[in-house]
PDB file of all heavy atoms in Angstrom:
ATOM      1  N   ARG A   1       0.828  -1.209   0.000  1.00  0.00           N
ATOM      2  CA  ARG A   1       0.000   0.000   0.000  1.00  0.00           C
ATOM      3  C   ARG A   1       0.860   1.257   0.000  1.00  0.00           C
ATOM      4  O   ARG A   1       0.613   2.189  -0.785  1.00  0.00           O
ATOM      5  CB  ARG A   1      -0.922   0.001   1.221  1.00  0.00           C
ATOM      6  CG  ARG A   1      -1.783   1.256   1.315  1.00  0.00           C
ATOM      7  CD  ARG A   1      -2.627   1.276   2.576  1.00  0.00           C
ATOM      8  NE  ARG A   1      -3.417   2.501   2.627  1.00  0.00           N
ATOM      9  CZ  ARG A   1      -4.234   2.808   3.639  1.00  0.00           C
ATOM     10  NH1 ARG A   1      -4.375   1.973   4.650  1.00  0.00           N
ATOM     11  NH2 ARG A   1      -4.914   3.933   3.621  1.00  0.00           N
ATOM     12  N   ILE A   2       1.873   1.292   0.864  1.00  0.00           N
ATOM     13  CA  ILE A   2       2.731   2.468   0.949  1.00  0.00           C
ATOM     14  C   ILE A   2       3.436   2.727  -0.377  1.00  0.00           C
ATOM     15  O   ILE A   2       3.541   3.862  -0.848  1.00  0.00           O
ATOM     16  CB  ILE A   2       3.764   2.309   2.082  1.00  0.00           C
ATOM     17  CG1 ILE A   2       3.054   2.336   3.442  1.00  0.00           C
ATOM     18  CG2 ILE A   2       4.829   3.396   2.005  1.00  0.00           C
ATOM     19  CD1 ILE A   2       2.325   3.625   3.740  1.00  0.00           C
ATOM     20  N   ASN A   3       3.909   1.653  -1.011  1.00  0.00           N
ATOM     21  CA  ASN A   3       4.610   1.808  -2.286  1.00  0.00           C
ATOM     22  C   ASN A   3       3.726   2.482  -3.330  1.00  0.00           C
ATOM     23  O   ASN A   3       4.166   3.358  -4.082  1.00  0.00           O
ATOM     24  CB  ASN A   3       5.085   0.454  -2.806  1.00  0.00           C
ATOM     25  CG  ASN A   3       6.237  -0.112  -2.003  1.00  0.00           C
ATOM     26  OD1 ASN A   3       6.876   0.593  -1.217  1.00  0.00           O
ATOM     27  ND2 ASN A   3       6.508  -1.391  -2.179  1.00  0.00           N
ATOM     28  N   LEU A   4       2.457   2.067  -3.388  1.00  0.00           N
ATOM     29  CA  LEU A   4       1.546   2.641  -4.377  1.00  0.00           C
ATOM     30  C   LEU A   4       1.108   4.047  -4.000  1.00  0.00           C
ATOM     31  O   LEU A   4       1.040   4.940  -4.841  1.00  0.00           O
ATOM     32  CB  LEU A   4       0.326   1.743  -4.555  1.00  0.00           C
ATOM     33  CG  LEU A   4       0.535   0.468  -5.375  1.00  0.00           C
ATOM     34  CD1 LEU A   4      -0.702  -0.419  -5.299  1.00  0.00           C
ATOM     35  CD2 LEU A   4       0.861   0.794  -6.835  1.00  0.00           C
ATOM     36  N   GLU A   5       0.789   4.256  -2.715  1.00  0.00           N
ATOM     37  CA  GLU A   5       0.234   5.539  -2.305  1.00  0.00           C
ATOM     38  C   GLU A   5       1.280   6.641  -2.223  1.00  0.00           C
ATOM     39  O   GLU A   5       0.916   7.825  -2.186  1.00  0.00           O
ATOM     40  CB  GLU A   5      -0.492   5.398  -0.967  1.00  0.00           C
ATOM     41  CG  GLU A   5      -1.773   4.569  -1.072  1.00  0.00           C
ATOM     42  CD  GLU A   5      -2.594   4.590   0.198  1.00  0.00           C
ATOM     43  OE1 GLU A   5      -2.038   4.922   1.268  1.00  0.00           O
ATOM     44  OE2 GLU A   5      -3.794   4.266   0.115  1.00  0.00           O
ATOM     45  N   THR A   6       2.559   6.302  -2.194  1.00  0.00           N
ATOM     46  CA  THR A   6       3.604   7.323  -2.156  1.00  0.00           C
ATOM     47  C   THR A   6       4.322   7.440  -3.493  1.00  0.00           C
ATOM     48  O   THR A   6       5.284   8.205  -3.618  1.00  0.00           O
ATOM     49  CB  THR A   6       4.640   7.022  -1.055  1.00  0.00           C
ATOM     50  OG1 THR A   6       5.247   5.749  -1.302  1.00  0.00           O
ATOM     51  CG2 THR A   6       3.984   7.034   0.313  1.00  0.00           C
ATOM     52  N   ASP A   7       3.855   6.711  -4.482  1.00  0.00           N
ATOM     53  CA  ASP A   7       4.467   6.734  -5.808  1.00  0.00           C
ATOM     54  C   ASP A   7       3.736   7.766  -6.669  1.00  0.00           C
ATOM     55  O   ASP A   7       2.542   7.622  -6.927  1.00  0.00           O
ATOM     56  CB  ASP A   7       4.367   5.340  -6.444  1.00  0.00           C
ATOM     57  CG  ASP A   7       5.059   5.264  -7.795  1.00  0.00           C
ATOM     58  OD1 ASP A   7       5.414   6.312  -8.357  1.00  0.00           O
ATOM     59  OD2 ASP A   7       5.234   4.135  -8.289  1.00  0.00           O
ATOM     60  N   PRO A   8       4.420   8.813  -7.121  1.00  0.00           N
ATOM     61  CA  PRO A   8       3.740   9.833  -7.930  1.00  0.00           C
ATOM     62  C   PRO A   8       3.309   9.332  -9.292  1.00  0.00           C
ATOM     63  O   PRO A   8       2.575  10.032 -10.000  1.00  0.00           O
ATOM     64  CB  PRO A   8       4.795  10.940  -8.070  1.00  0.00           C
ATOM     65  CG  PRO A   8       6.100  10.235  -7.897  1.00  0.00           C
ATOM     66  CD  PRO A   8       5.836   9.153  -6.895  1.00  0.00           C
ATOM     67  N   SER A   9       3.728   8.130  -9.672  1.00  0.00           N
ATOM     68  CA  SER A   9       3.337   7.584 -10.972  1.00  0.00           C
ATOM     69  C   SER A   9       2.373   6.410 -10.803  1.00  0.00           C
ATOM     70  O   SER A   9       2.316   5.524 -11.654  1.00  0.00           O
ATOM     71  CB  SER A   9       4.570   7.133 -11.761  1.00  0.00           C
ATOM     72  OG  SER A   9       5.215   6.055 -11.096  1.00  0.00           O
ATOM     73  N   ALA A  10       1.603   6.401  -9.701  1.00  0.00           N
ATOM     74  CA  ALA A  10       0.665   5.302  -9.461  1.00  0.00           C
ATOM     75  C   ALA A  10      -0.609   5.818  -8.813  1.00  0.00           C
ATOM     76  O   ALA A  10      -0.595   6.815  -8.080  1.00  0.00           O
ATOM     77  CB  ALA A  10       1.305   4.234  -8.573  1.00  0.00           C
ATOM     78  N   VAL A  11      -1.714   5.142  -9.096  1.00  0.00           N
ATOM     79  CA  VAL A  11      -2.982   5.380  -8.427  1.00  0.00           C
ATOM     80  C   VAL A  11      -3.595   4.019  -8.122  1.00  0.00           C
ATOM     81  O   VAL A  11      -3.453   3.079  -8.892  1.00  0.00           O
ATOM     82  CB  VAL A  11      -3.963   6.215  -9.287  1.00  0.00           C
ATOM     83  CG1 VAL A  11      -3.436   7.625  -9.478  1.00  0.00           C
ATOM     84  CG2 VAL A  11      -4.212   5.566 -10.639  1.00  0.00           C
ATOM     85  N   VAL A  12      -4.260   3.891  -6.975  1.00  0.00           N
ATOM     86  CA  VAL A  12      -4.829   2.608  -6.584  1.00  0.00           C
ATOM     87  C   VAL A  12      -6.205   2.815  -5.980  1.00  0.00           C
ATOM     88  O   VAL A  12      -6.449   3.794  -5.278  1.00  0.00           O
ATOM     89  CB  VAL A  12      -3.894   1.867  -5.584  1.00  0.00           C
ATOM     90  CG1 VAL A  12      -3.665   2.690  -4.320  1.00  0.00           C
ATOM     91  CG2 VAL A  12      -4.453   0.483  -5.238  1.00  0.00           C
ATOM     92  N   PHE A  13      -7.122   1.898  -6.290  1.00  0.00           N
ATOM     93  CA  PHE A  13      -8.478   1.921  -5.750  1.00  0.00           C
ATOM     94  C   PHE A  13      -8.837   0.547  -5.204  1.00  0.00           C
ATOM     95  O   PHE A  13      -8.393  -0.484  -5.726  1.00  0.00           O
ATOM     96  CB  PHE A  13      -9.499   2.272  -6.834  1.00  0.00           C
ATOM     97  CG  PHE A  13      -9.378   3.666  -7.370  1.00  0.00           C
ATOM     98  CD1 PHE A  13      -8.782   3.892  -8.596  1.00  0.00           C
ATOM     99  CD2 PHE A  13      -9.864   4.740  -6.658  1.00  0.00           C
ATOM    100  CE1 PHE A  13      -8.669   5.175  -9.107  1.00  0.00           C
ATOM    101  CE2 PHE A  13      -9.755   6.031  -7.166  1.00  0.00           C
ATOM    102  CZ  PHE A  13      -9.160   6.245  -8.394  1.00  0.00           C
ATOM    103  N   ALA A  14      -9.652   0.538  -4.174  1.00  0.00           N
ATOM    104  CA  ALA A  14     -10.289  -0.692  -3.720  1.00  0.00           C
ATOM    105  C   ALA A  14     -11.512  -0.968  -4.591  1.00  0.00           C
ATOM    106  O   ALA A  14     -12.075  -0.054  -5.191  1.00  0.00           O
ATOM    107  CB  ALA A  14     -10.708  -0.564  -2.261  1.00  0.00           C
ATOM    108  N   ILE A  15     -11.903  -2.217  -4.675  1.00  0.00           N
ATOM    109  CA  ILE A  15     -13.125  -2.615  -5.382  1.00  0.00           C
ATOM    110  C   ILE A  15     -14.066  -3.235  -4.363  1.00  0.00           C
ATOM    111  O   ILE A  15     -13.708  -4.191  -3.675  1.00  0.00           O
ATOM    112  CB  ILE A  15     -12.821  -3.650  -6.492  1.00  0.00           C
ATOM    113  CG1 ILE A  15     -11.762  -3.122  -7.461  1.00  0.00           C
ATOM    114  CG2 ILE A  15     -14.104  -4.015  -7.238  1.00  0.00           C
ATOM    115  CD1 ILE A  15     -11.266  -4.177  -8.430  1.00  0.00           C
ATOM    116  N   ASP A  16     -15.258  -2.680  -4.241  1.00  0.00           N
ATOM    117  CA  ASP A  16     -16.302  -3.221  -3.372  1.00  0.00           C
ATOM    118  C   ASP A  16     -17.401  -3.831  -4.234  1.00  0.00           C
ATOM    119  O   ASP A  16     -17.651  -3.370  -5.353  1.00  0.00           O
ATOM    120  CB  ASP A  16     -16.921  -2.128  -2.504  1.00  0.00           C
ATOM    121  CG  ASP A  16     -15.974  -1.606  -1.453  1.00  0.00           C
ATOM    122  OD1 ASP A  16     -14.945  -2.251  -1.184  1.00  0.00           O
ATOM    123  OD2 ASP A  16     -16.258  -0.523  -0.906  1.00  0.00           O
ATOM    124  N   ASP A  17     -18.060  -4.847  -3.716  1.00  0.00           N
ATOM    125  CA  ASP A  17     -19.223  -5.364  -4.439  1.00  0.00           C
ATOM    126  C   ASP A  17     -20.431  -4.491  -4.135  1.00  0.00           C
ATOM    127  O   ASP A  17     -20.321  -3.464  -3.449  1.00  0.00           O
ATOM    128  CB  ASP A  17     -19.468  -6.847  -4.131  1.00  0.00           C
ATOM    129  CG  ASP A  17     -19.930  -7.098  -2.691  1.00  0.00           C
ATOM    130  OD1 ASP A  17     -20.263  -6.132  -1.962  1.00  0.00           O
ATOM    131  OD2 ASP A  17     -19.966  -8.275  -2.295  1.00  0.00           O
ATOM    132  N   ARG A  18     -21.575  -4.865  -4.641  1.00  0.00           N
ATOM    133  CA  ARG A  18     -22.757  -4.013  -4.517  1.00  0.00           C
ATOM    134  C   ARG A  18     -23.327  -3.969  -3.102  1.00  0.00           C
ATOM    135  O   ARG A  18     -24.222  -3.189  -2.826  1.00  0.00           O
ATOM    136  CB  ARG A  18     -23.811  -4.460  -5.537  1.00  0.00           C
ATOM    137  CG  ARG A  18     -23.378  -4.159  -6.966  1.00  0.00           C
ATOM    138  CD  ARG A  18     -24.273  -4.792  -8.010  1.00  0.00           C
ATOM    139  NE  ARG A  18     -23.818  -4.478  -9.369  1.00  0.00           N
ATOM    140  CZ  ARG A  18     -22.850  -5.118 -10.011  1.00  0.00           C
ATOM    141  NH1 ARG A  18     -22.237  -6.133  -9.394  1.00  0.00           N
ATOM    142  NH2 ARG A  18     -22.492  -4.784 -11.225  1.00  0.00           N
ATOM    143  N   THR A  19     -22.792  -4.810  -2.217  1.00  0.00           N
ATOM    144  CA  THR A  19     -23.198  -4.754  -0.812  1.00  0.00           C
ATOM    145  C   THR A  19     -22.208  -3.968   0.028  1.00  0.00           C
ATOM    146  O   THR A  19     -22.401  -3.813   1.225  1.00  0.00           O
ATOM    147  CB  THR A  19     -23.339  -6.173  -0.233  1.00  0.00           C
ATOM    148  OG1 THR A  19     -22.030  -6.775  -0.112  1.00  0.00           O
ATOM    149  CG2 THR A  19     -24.220  -7.041  -1.110  1.00  0.00           C
ATOM    150  N   GLY A  20     -21.130  -3.479  -0.605  1.00  0.00           N
ATOM    151  CA  GLY A  20     -20.107  -2.748   0.128  1.00  0.00           C
ATOM    152  C   GLY A  20     -18.975  -3.605   0.636  1.00  0.00           C
ATOM    153  O   GLY A  20     -18.079  -3.107   1.324  1.00  0.00           O
ATOM    154  N   ARG A  21     -18.971  -4.894   0.298  1.00  0.00           N
ATOM    155  CA  ARG A  21     -17.904  -5.793   0.725  1.00  0.00           C
ATOM    156  C   ARG A  21     -16.670  -5.584  -0.151  1.00  0.00           C
ATOM    157  O   ARG A  21     -16.762  -5.549  -1.369  1.00  0.00           O
ATOM    158  CB  ARG A  21     -18.380  -7.241   0.622  1.00  0.00           C
ATOM    159  CG  ARG A  21     -17.326  -8.282   0.991  1.00  0.00           C
ATOM    160  CD  ARG A  21     -17.855  -9.695   0.826  1.00  0.00           C
ATOM    161  NE  ARG A  21     -18.273  -9.972  -0.547  1.00  0.00           N
ATOM    162  CZ  ARG A  21     -18.317 -11.179  -1.089  1.00  0.00           C
ATOM    163  NH1 ARG A  21     -17.989 -12.244  -0.367  1.00  0.00           N
ATOM    164  NH2 ARG A  21     -18.730 -11.346  -2.334  1.00  0.00           N
ATOM    165  N   HIS A  22     -15.521  -5.454   0.480  1.00  0.00           N
ATOM    166  CA  HIS A  22     -14.263  -5.286  -0.250  1.00  0.00           C
ATOM    167  C   HIS A  22     -13.875  -6.617  -0.882  1.00  0.00           C
ATOM    168  O   HIS A  22     -13.727  -7.621  -0.191  1.00  0.00           O
ATOM    169  CB  HIS A  22     -13.180  -4.822   0.727  1.00  0.00           C
ATOM    170  CG  HIS A  22     -11.829  -4.656   0.106  1.00  0.00           C
ATOM    171  ND1 HIS A  22     -10.676  -5.034   0.750  1.00  0.00           N
ATOM    172  CD2 HIS A  22     -11.439  -4.154  -1.092  1.00  0.00           C
ATOM    173  CE1 HIS A  22      -9.632  -4.770  -0.014  1.00  0.00           C
ATOM    174  NE2 HIS A  22     -10.073  -4.242  -1.137  1.00  0.00           N
ATOM    175  N   ILE A  23     -13.709  -6.619  -2.218  1.00  0.00           N
ATOM    176  CA  ILE A  23     -13.437  -7.870  -2.921  1.00  0.00           C
ATOM    177  C   ILE A  23     -12.152  -7.834  -3.746  1.00  0.00           C
ATOM    178  O   ILE A  23     -11.729  -8.868  -4.274  1.00  0.00           O
ATOM    179  CB  ILE A  23     -14.600  -8.252  -3.855  1.00  0.00           C
ATOM    180  CG1 ILE A  23     -14.831  -7.144  -4.901  1.00  0.00           C
ATOM    181  CG2 ILE A  23     -15.868  -8.540  -3.049  1.00  0.00           C
ATOM    182  CD1 ILE A  23     -15.808  -7.537  -6.001  1.00  0.00           C
ATOM    183  N   GLY A  24     -11.512  -6.667  -3.862  1.00  0.00           N
ATOM    184  CA  GLY A  24     -10.302  -6.628  -4.673  1.00  0.00           C
ATOM    185  C   GLY A  24      -9.727  -5.230  -4.775  1.00  0.00           C
ATOM    186  O   GLY A  24     -10.195  -4.288  -4.116  1.00  0.00           O
ATOM    187  N   ASP A  25      -8.702  -5.105  -5.603  1.00  0.00           N
ATOM    188  CA  ASP A  25      -8.010  -3.839  -5.801  1.00  0.00           C
ATOM    189  C   ASP A  25      -7.629  -3.705  -7.265  1.00  0.00           C
ATOM    190  O   ASP A  25      -7.403  -4.701  -7.956  1.00  0.00           O
ATOM    191  CB  ASP A  25      -6.730  -3.776  -4.952  1.00  0.00           C
ATOM    192  CG  ASP A  25      -6.979  -4.154  -3.507  1.00  0.00           C
ATOM    193  OD1 ASP A  25      -7.699  -3.412  -2.819  1.00  0.00           O
ATOM    194  OD2 ASP A  25      -6.463  -5.207  -3.080  1.00  0.00           O
ATOM    195  N   VAL A  26      -7.527  -2.465  -7.743  1.00  0.00           N
ATOM    196  CA  VAL A  26      -7.115  -2.199  -9.118  1.00  0.00           C
ATOM    197  C   VAL A  26      -6.239  -0.954  -9.110  1.00  0.00           C
ATOM    198  O   VAL A  26      -6.470  -0.026  -8.333  1.00  0.00           O
ATOM    199  CB  VAL A  26      -8.342  -2.029 -10.042  1.00  0.00           C
ATOM    200  CG1 VAL A  26      -9.184  -0.822  -9.640  1.00  0.00           C
ATOM    201  CG2 VAL A  26      -7.935  -1.956 -11.501  1.00  0.00           C
ATOM    202  N   ASP A  27      -5.202  -0.959  -9.944  1.00  0.00           N
ATOM    203  CA  ASP A  27      -4.311   0.192  -9.941  1.00  0.00           C
ATOM    204  C   ASP A  27      -3.740   0.472 -11.321  1.00  0.00           C
ATOM    205  O   ASP A  27      -3.720  -0.389 -12.202  1.00  0.00           O
ATOM    206  CB  ASP A  27      -3.163  -0.015  -8.944  1.00  0.00           C
ATOM    207  CG  ASP A  27      -2.161  -1.065  -9.398  1.00  0.00           C
ATOM    208  OD1 ASP A  27      -1.329  -0.758 -10.281  1.00  0.00           O
ATOM    209  OD2 ASP A  27      -2.177  -2.194  -8.870  1.00  0.00           O
ATOM    210  N   LEU A  28      -3.296   1.701 -11.481  1.00  0.00           N
ATOM    211  CA  LEU A  28      -2.429   2.106 -12.576  1.00  0.00           C
ATOM    212  C   LEU A  28      -1.073   2.422 -11.971  1.00  0.00           C
ATOM    213  O   LEU A  28      -0.996   3.090 -10.932  1.00  0.00           O
ATOM    214  CB  LEU A  28      -2.959   3.355 -13.284  1.00  0.00           C
ATOM    215  CG  LEU A  28      -4.262   3.230 -14.069  1.00  0.00           C
ATOM    216  CD1 LEU A  28      -4.707   4.607 -14.537  1.00  0.00           C
ATOM    217  CD2 LEU A  28      -4.112   2.279 -15.253  1.00  0.00           C
ATOM    218  N   HIS A  29      -0.011   1.968 -12.591  1.00  0.00           N
ATOM    219  CA  HIS A  29       1.325   2.285 -12.110  1.00  0.00           C
ATOM    220  C   HIS A  29       2.249   2.529 -13.301  1.00  0.00           C
ATOM    221  O   HIS A  29       1.858   2.328 -14.448  1.00  0.00           O
ATOM    222  CB  HIS A  29       1.871   1.164 -11.218  1.00  0.00           C
ATOM    223  CG  HIS A  29       1.963  -0.171 -11.890  1.00  0.00           C
ATOM    224  ND1 HIS A  29       0.866  -0.981 -12.100  1.00  0.00           N
ATOM    225  CD2 HIS A  29       3.016  -0.841 -12.431  1.00  0.00           C
ATOM    226  CE1 HIS A  29       1.243  -2.078 -12.728  1.00  0.00           C
ATOM    227  NE2 HIS A  29       2.538  -2.022 -12.949  1.00  0.00           N
ATOM    228  N   ARG A  30       3.449   2.985 -12.998  1.00  0.00           N
ATOM    229  CA  ARG A  30       4.395   3.383 -14.042  1.00  0.00           C
ATOM    230  C   ARG A  30       3.732   4.342 -15.044  1.00  0.00           C
ATOM    231  O   ARG A  30       3.887   4.202 -16.252  1.00  0.00           O
ATOM    232  CB  ARG A  30       4.976   2.163 -14.757  1.00  0.00           C
ATOM    233  CG  ARG A  30       5.793   1.276 -13.850  1.00  0.00           C
ATOM    234  CD  ARG A  30       6.690   0.348 -14.633  1.00  0.00           C
ATOM    235  NE  ARG A  30       7.428  -0.520 -13.745  1.00  0.00           N
ATOM    236  CZ  ARG A  30       8.373  -1.380 -14.131  1.00  0.00           C
ATOM    237  NH1 ARG A  30       8.680  -1.463 -15.410  1.00  0.00           N
ATOM    238  NH2 ARG A  30       8.995  -2.147 -13.266  1.00  0.00           N
ATOM    239  N   ILE A  31       2.994   5.311 -14.499  1.00  0.00           N
ATOM    240  CA  ILE A  31       2.395   6.329 -15.360  1.00  0.00           C
ATOM    241  C   ILE A  31       3.520   7.193 -15.931  1.00  0.00           C
ATOM    242  O   ILE A  31       4.298   7.783 -15.188  1.00  0.00           O
ATOM    243  CB  ILE A  31       1.397   7.198 -14.584  1.00  0.00           C
ATOM    244  CG1 ILE A  31       0.258   6.335 -14.018  1.00  0.00           C
ATOM    245  CG2 ILE A  31       0.839   8.303 -15.478  1.00  0.00           C
ATOM    246  CD1 ILE A  31      -0.697   7.093 -13.109  1.00  0.00           C
ATOM    247  N   ASP A  32       3.602   7.224 -17.234  1.00  0.00           N
ATOM    248  CA  ASP A  32       4.622   8.001 -17.940  1.00  0.00           C
ATOM    249  C   ASP A  32       3.933   9.183 -18.607  1.00  0.00           C
ATOM    250  O   ASP A  32       3.215   9.017 -19.591  1.00  0.00           O
ATOM    251  CB  ASP A  32       5.308   7.109 -18.981  1.00  0.00           C
ATOM    252  CG  ASP A  32       6.490   7.802 -19.666  1.00  0.00           C
ATOM    253  OD1 ASP A  32       6.412   9.025 -19.891  1.00  0.00           O
ATOM    254  OD2 ASP A  32       7.476   7.104 -19.976  1.00  0.00           O
ATOM    255  N   TRP A  33       4.155  10.379 -18.052  1.00  0.00           N
ATOM    256  CA  TRP A  33       3.436  11.547 -18.543  1.00  0.00           C
ATOM    257  C   TRP A  33       3.931  11.985 -19.914  1.00  0.00           C
ATOM    258  O   TRP A  33       3.178  12.580 -20.688  1.00  0.00           O
ATOM    259  CB  TRP A  33       3.549  12.700 -17.540  1.00  0.00           C
ATOM    260  CG  TRP A  33       2.923  12.372 -16.229  1.00  0.00           C
ATOM    261  CD1 TRP A  33       3.560  12.136 -15.052  1.00  0.00           C
ATOM    262  CD2 TRP A  33       1.524  12.188 -15.964  1.00  0.00           C
ATOM    263  NE1 TRP A  33       2.643  11.825 -14.065  1.00  0.00           N
ATOM    264  CE2 TRP A  33       1.398  11.858 -14.596  1.00  0.00           C
ATOM    265  CE3 TRP A  33       0.379  12.275 -16.757  1.00  0.00           C
ATOM    266  CZ2 TRP A  33       0.161  11.617 -14.010  1.00  0.00           C
ATOM    267  CZ3 TRP A  33      -0.850  12.035 -16.155  1.00  0.00           C
ATOM    268  CH2 TRP A  33      -0.950  11.717 -14.805  1.00  0.00           C
ATOM    269  N   ARG A  34       5.203  11.727 -20.227  1.00  0.00           N
ATOM    270  CA  ARG A  34       5.714  12.086 -21.545  1.00  0.00           C
ATOM    271  C   ARG A  34       5.154  11.148 -22.610  1.00  0.00           C
ATOM    272  O   ARG A  34       4.717  11.589 -23.670  1.00  0.00           O
ATOM    273  CB  ARG A  34       7.249  12.054 -21.554  1.00  0.00           C
ATOM    274  CG  ARG A  34       7.892  13.187 -20.762  1.00  0.00           C
ATOM    275  CD  ARG A  34       9.391  13.195 -20.944  1.00  0.00           C
ATOM    276  NE  ARG A  34       9.996  11.987 -20.402  1.00  0.00           N
ATOM    277  CZ  ARG A  34      10.420  11.856 -19.158  1.00  0.00           C
ATOM    278  NH1 ARG A  34      10.295  12.863 -18.318  1.00  0.00           N
ATOM    279  NH2 ARG A  34      10.972  10.735 -18.737  1.00  0.00           N
ATOM    280  N   GLU A  35       5.181   9.863 -22.324  1.00  0.00           N
ATOM    281  CA  GLU A  35       4.684   8.875 -23.272  1.00  0.00           C
ATOM    282  C   GLU A  35       3.172   8.733 -23.202  1.00  0.00           C
ATOM    283  O   GLU A  35       2.546   8.156 -24.093  1.00  0.00           O
ATOM    284  CB  GLU A  35       5.347   7.522 -22.991  1.00  0.00           C
ATOM    285  CG  GLU A  35       5.146   6.486 -24.067  1.00  0.00           C
ATOM    286  CD  GLU A  35       5.861   5.186 -23.734  1.00  0.00           C
ATOM    287  OE1 GLU A  35       5.316   4.402 -22.926  1.00  0.00           O
ATOM    288  OE2 GLU A  35       6.948   4.963 -24.271  1.00  0.00           O
ATOM    289  N   LYS A  36       2.571   9.220 -22.105  1.00  0.00           N
ATOM    290  CA  LYS A  36       1.131   9.129 -21.857  1.00  0.00           C
ATOM    291  C   LYS A  36       0.670   7.667 -21.828  1.00  0.00           C
ATOM    292  O   LYS A  36      -0.313   7.280 -22.471  1.00  0.00           O
ATOM    293  CB  LYS A  36       0.337   9.925 -22.903  1.00  0.00           C
ATOM    294  CG  LYS A  36       0.590  11.431 -22.848  1.00  0.00           C
ATOM    295  CD  LYS A  36      -0.329  12.181 -23.771  1.00  0.00           C
ATOM    296  CE  LYS A  36      -0.067  13.689 -23.715  1.00  0.00           C
ATOM    297  NZ  LYS A  36      -0.308  14.241 -22.370  1.00  0.00           N
ATOM    298  N   SER A  37       1.389   6.874 -21.053  1.00  0.00           N
ATOM    299  CA  SER A  37       1.051   5.462 -20.913  1.00  0.00           C
ATOM    300  C   SER A  37       1.094   5.063 -19.447  1.00  0.00           C
ATOM    301  O   SER A  37       1.641   5.790 -18.606  1.00  0.00           O
ATOM    302  CB  SER A  37       2.024   4.592 -21.713  1.00  0.00           C
ATOM    303  OG  SER A  37       3.329   4.655 -21.147  1.00  0.00           O
ATOM    304  N   ALA A  38       0.501   3.921 -19.139  1.00  0.00           N
ATOM    305  CA  ALA A  38       0.532   3.383 -17.784  1.00  0.00           C
ATOM    306  C   ALA A  38       0.317   1.888 -17.858  1.00  0.00           C
ATOM    307  O   ALA A  38      -0.122   1.344 -18.875  1.00  0.00           O
ATOM    308  CB  ALA A  38      -0.542   4.035 -16.914  1.00  0.00           C
ATOM    309  N   ARG A  39       0.611   1.206 -16.762  1.00  0.00           N
ATOM    310  CA  ARG A  39       0.345  -0.225 -16.656  1.00  0.00           C
ATOM    311  C   ARG A  39      -0.762  -0.456 -15.631  1.00  0.00           C
ATOM    312  O   ARG A  39      -0.888   0.293 -14.659  1.00  0.00           O
ATOM    313  CB  ARG A  39       1.601  -0.989 -16.251  1.00  0.00           C
ATOM    314  CG  ARG A  39       2.731  -0.846 -17.270  1.00  0.00           C
ATOM    315  CD  ARG A  39       3.861  -1.777 -16.951  1.00  0.00           C
ATOM    316  NE  ARG A  39       5.061  -1.418 -17.704  1.00  0.00           N
ATOM    317  CZ  ARG A  39       6.222  -2.046 -17.587  1.00  0.00           C
ATOM    318  NH1 ARG A  39       6.337  -3.055 -16.736  1.00  0.00           N
ATOM    319  NH2 ARG A  39       7.268  -1.671 -18.294  1.00  0.00           N
ATOM    320  N   LEU A  40      -1.538  -1.477 -15.862  1.00  0.00           N
ATOM    321  CA  LEU A  40      -2.692  -1.791 -15.017  1.00  0.00           C
ATOM    322  C   LEU A  40      -2.508  -3.156 -14.373  1.00  0.00           C
ATOM    323  O   LEU A  40      -2.051  -4.100 -15.019  1.00  0.00           O
ATOM    324  CB  LEU A  40      -3.968  -1.773 -15.861  1.00  0.00           C
ATOM    325  CG  LEU A  40      -5.303  -2.078 -15.175  1.00  0.00           C
ATOM    326  CD1 LEU A  40      -6.434  -1.322 -15.883  1.00  0.00           C
ATOM    327  CD2 LEU A  40      -5.625  -3.580 -15.164  1.00  0.00           C
TER     328      LEU A  40
END
């Protein structure tokens, strides 16, 4: 979590189901602003 949340080239979200239960996570990392690309 710390690695993603302190990385200026990453964003991370939790995924909840329709009842509000946490079921997973999804992120973009290695965001390259010059190339305008990222990895998921």
